[in-house]
Protein backbone atom coordinates (compact mmCIF):
# COMPACT_ATOMS: atom_id res chain seq x y z
CA GLU A 1 -0.04 0.18 -0.13
CA TRP A 2 2.95 2.41 0.48
CA GLU A 3 3.63 2.39 -3.10
CA THR A 4 0.00 2.34 -4.22
CA ALA A 5 -1.80 4.61 -1.82
CA ASP A 6 -2.21 8.73 -2.00
CA LEU A 7 -0.55 9.47 1.16
CA ASP A 8 -0.90 13.18 1.27
CA ARG A 9 1.13 13.63 4.38
CA ARG A 10 3.97 11.26 3.39
CA ILE A 11 3.63 8.72 6.39
CA PRO A 12 4.41 5.38 6.55
CA VAL A 13 0.97 3.33 6.69
CA MET A 14 1.19 -0.88 7.39
CA THR A 15 -2.15 -2.50 6.51
CA ALA A 16 -2.91 -5.79 7.83
CA SER A 17 -5.04 -8.34 5.89
CA ASP A 18 -7.99 -8.12 8.69
CA GLY A 19 -8.29 -4.14 7.84
CA ARG A 20 -6.37 -3.12 10.99
CA VAL A 21 -4.04 0.16 10.03
CA LEU A 22 -0.98 1.35 11.90
CA LEU A 23 -0.01 4.86 11.01
CA GLY A 24 3.36 6.85 11.52
CA LEU A 25 6.60 5.80 13.15
CA SER A 26 5.55 3.75 15.51
CA SER A 27 7.68 1.84 18.34
CA PRO A 28 9.19 -1.51 18.01
CA ARG A 29 6.89 -3.02 20.43
CA ASP A 30 3.75 -1.66 19.09
CA ILE A 31 5.37 -2.49 15.49
CA GLN A 32 5.46 -6.13 17.08
CA TYR A 33 1.92 -6.58 18.71
CA PHE A 34 0.59 -5.12 15.56
CA LEU A 35 2.06 -8.25 13.28
CA GLU A 36 0.87 -10.26 16.05
CA GLY A 37 -2.48 -9.10 15.64
CA ARG A 38 -2.81 -7.68 18.86
CA PRO A 39 -3.82 -4.05 19.65
CA ALA A 40 -0.66 -1.77 20.35
CA ARG A 41 -0.33 -0.35 23.84
CA GLY A 42 -0.01 3.34 22.82
CA GLU A 43 2.24 3.98 25.26
CA PRO A 44 4.52 7.15 24.52
CA SER A 45 7.57 5.49 22.79
CA GLY A 46 9.67 8.83 22.15
CA VAL A 47 9.27 8.23 18.44
CA CYS A 48 6.91 10.70 15.89
CA GLU A 49 3.63 9.89 15.99
CA PHE A 50 0.75 10.95 13.69
CA VAL A 51 -1.78 13.42 15.01
CA PRO A 52 -4.45 14.39 12.10
CA ARG A 53 -4.99 18.03 12.23
CA PRO A 54 -8.68 19.25 11.20
CA VAL A 55 -8.83 20.03 7.22
CA VAL A 56 -10.34 23.17 6.38
CA LEU A 57 -11.42 23.42 2.79
CA VAL A 58 -12.10 27.26 1.59
CA VAL A 59 -14.43 27.21 -1.19
CA GLY A 60 -13.99 30.66 -3.84
CA GLN A 61 -11.42 32.89 -3.41
CA PRO A 62 -10.04 33.83 0.03
CA ARG A 63 -7.76 37.02 -0.54
CA ASN A 64 -10.02 39.11 0.88
CA ILE A 65 -10.51 37.29 3.67
CA TRP A 66 -7.10 35.93 4.23
CA PRO A 67 -6.59 37.09 7.57
CA PHE A 68 -9.06 34.83 8.76
CA ILE A 69 -7.60 31.96 6.78
CA SER A 70 -4.07 32.51 8.07
CA SER A 71 -5.34 32.31 11.59
CA LEU A 72 -6.14 28.86 10.77
CA GLN A 73 -2.75 27.55 9.50
CA PRO A 74 -0.89 26.97 12.41
CA SER A 75 -3.49 24.25 13.66
CA ASN A 76 -5.25 22.94 10.79
CA ASP A 77 -4.65 22.15 7.06
CA VAL A 78 -5.92 24.47 4.74
CA LEU A 79 -7.03 23.84 1.31
CA VAL A 80 -8.25 25.93 -1.11
CA ALA A 81 -10.72 25.07 -3.99
CA ASP A 82 -11.41 27.78 -6.74
CA ASP A 83 -15.19 26.90 -6.85
CA ALA A 84 -18.27 24.58 -5.86
CA ALA A 85 -17.23 22.08 -8.93
CA ALA A 86 -13.90 21.66 -7.62
CA ALA A 87 -14.94 21.35 -3.74
CA VAL A 88 -17.48 18.75 -4.70
CA LYS A 89 -14.90 16.83 -6.99
CA LEU A 90 -12.30 16.99 -3.91
CA ILE A 91 -14.98 15.77 -1.36
CA SER A 92 -16.06 13.00 -3.53
CA ASN A 93 -12.78 11.68 -4.09
CA THR A 94 -11.06 11.64 -0.86
CA LEU A 95 -11.12 14.55 1.11
CA ASP A 96 -13.01 14.58 4.16
CA PRO A 97 -13.32 18.14 5.43
CA ASP A 98 -14.00 18.92 9.17
CA LEU A 99 -15.06 22.74 8.22
CA LEU A 100 -15.83 24.77 4.86
CA VAL A 101 -15.35 28.34 4.87
CA VAL A 102 -16.73 30.29 2.09
CA PRO A 103 -15.98 33.71 1.35
CA ALA A 104 -18.83 35.94 -0.12
CA GLY A 105 -18.49 38.65 -2.26
CA ARG A 106 -17.97 40.23 -5.71
CA GLU A 107 -16.03 37.21 -6.85
CA THR A 108 -17.88 34.55 -5.60
CA ASP A 109 -21.31 33.62 -5.60
CA ALA A 110 -21.60 31.93 -1.88
CA LEU A 111 -25.02 31.15 -2.00
CA GLU A 112 -24.55 28.97 -5.11
CA VAL A 113 -21.40 27.44 -3.34
CA CYS A 114 -23.81 26.57 -0.27
CA HIS A 115 -26.38 25.02 -2.40
CA HIS A 116 -23.87 22.81 -4.32
CA LEU A 117 -22.00 21.51 -0.94
CA GLN A 118 -25.60 20.91 0.45
CA GLN A 119 -26.54 18.65 -2.44
CA ASN A 120 -23.61 16.39 -2.16
CA PRO A 121 -24.06 13.94 0.41
CA ARG A 122 -20.29 14.04 1.78
CA ALA A 123 -20.63 17.60 2.30
CA ALA A 124 -24.13 17.70 4.05
CA ASP A 125 -22.53 17.08 7.18
CA THR A 126 -19.99 19.36 6.97
CA PRO A 127 -20.40 22.84 9.07
CA ILE A 128 -20.08 25.73 6.52
CA MET A 129 -19.00 29.27 7.71
CA VAL A 130 -19.56 32.06 5.28
CA VAL A 131 -17.81 35.42 5.61
CA ASP A 132 -19.23 38.28 3.90
CA GLU A 133 -18.13 41.32 2.39
CA THR A 134 -21.22 42.71 2.17
CA PRO A 135 -23.36 41.96 5.25
CA ASN A 136 -26.89 42.69 5.86
CA PRO A 137 -29.74 40.60 7.73
CA ASP A 138 -31.38 39.20 4.92
CA ARG A 139 -28.51 37.86 3.50
CA GLN A 140 -27.53 36.26 6.63
CA LEU A 141 -30.79 35.01 6.71
CA GLN A 142 -30.28 33.32 3.26
CA PHE A 143 -27.10 32.05 4.14
CA LEU A 144 -28.58 30.22 7.01
CA GLU A 145 -31.72 28.89 5.15
CA MET A 146 -29.15 27.69 2.25
CA GLY A 147 -27.40 25.54 5.13
CA ALA A 148 -24.54 27.48 6.59
CA SER A 149 -23.71 26.90 10.40
CA GLU A 150 -22.01 30.03 10.73
CA TYR A 151 -22.23 33.84 9.19
CA MET A 152 -19.57 36.47 9.96
CA GLN A 153 -18.94 39.73 8.32
CA ALA A 154 -15.53 40.45 6.66
CA THR A 155 -14.95 43.07 9.23
CA SER A 156 -15.01 40.76 12.29
CA ASP A 157 -11.81 40.06 14.48
CA ALA A 158 -10.19 37.02 13.07
CA ARG A 159 -9.48 36.12 16.74
CA LEU A 160 -13.55 36.06 16.71
CA PHE A 161 -13.52 33.66 13.42
CA LYS A 162 -10.58 31.64 14.78
CA ALA A 163 -12.88 30.80 18.13
CA ARG A 164 -15.46 29.93 16.11
CA ALA A 165 -14.05 27.82 13.39
CA GLN A 166 -12.62 25.65 16.57
CA VAL A 167 -16.10 25.39 17.63
CA HIS A 168 -17.03 23.84 14.63
């Protein structure tokens, strides 16, 4: 599987014939337990262990909300899809994002993006945060009715955005 799998994070993976998976650089004891079919002990071994980071997928052009996006980068894997079609393709293939961020402004039809994302069964349960450059109560209501779980103004504080993203 090491030679054929799509390992975006470039970590070693061992897969047993019964479907068990051992990720990362495990201790010799945990490797032995894995090969014997026993559960790994999970005791600290002093070797590097893989801890998955939340995946945030930005759908649309993020340049106007870059302070928000950059606040997430230290603790999340942030990916960008140019439009809803590219996002749906990523999600349909292999990506399982923890949060979708949709910038709403002149460059992105964010209502259409939310609609497309809600139509995809793999994305339907993923929280959507909309960051709107031209906010008003009617637009906020439209986005919430379209399935957005969070609506923020582009003039909000980046710390508030980061805190709300972590909640989702």
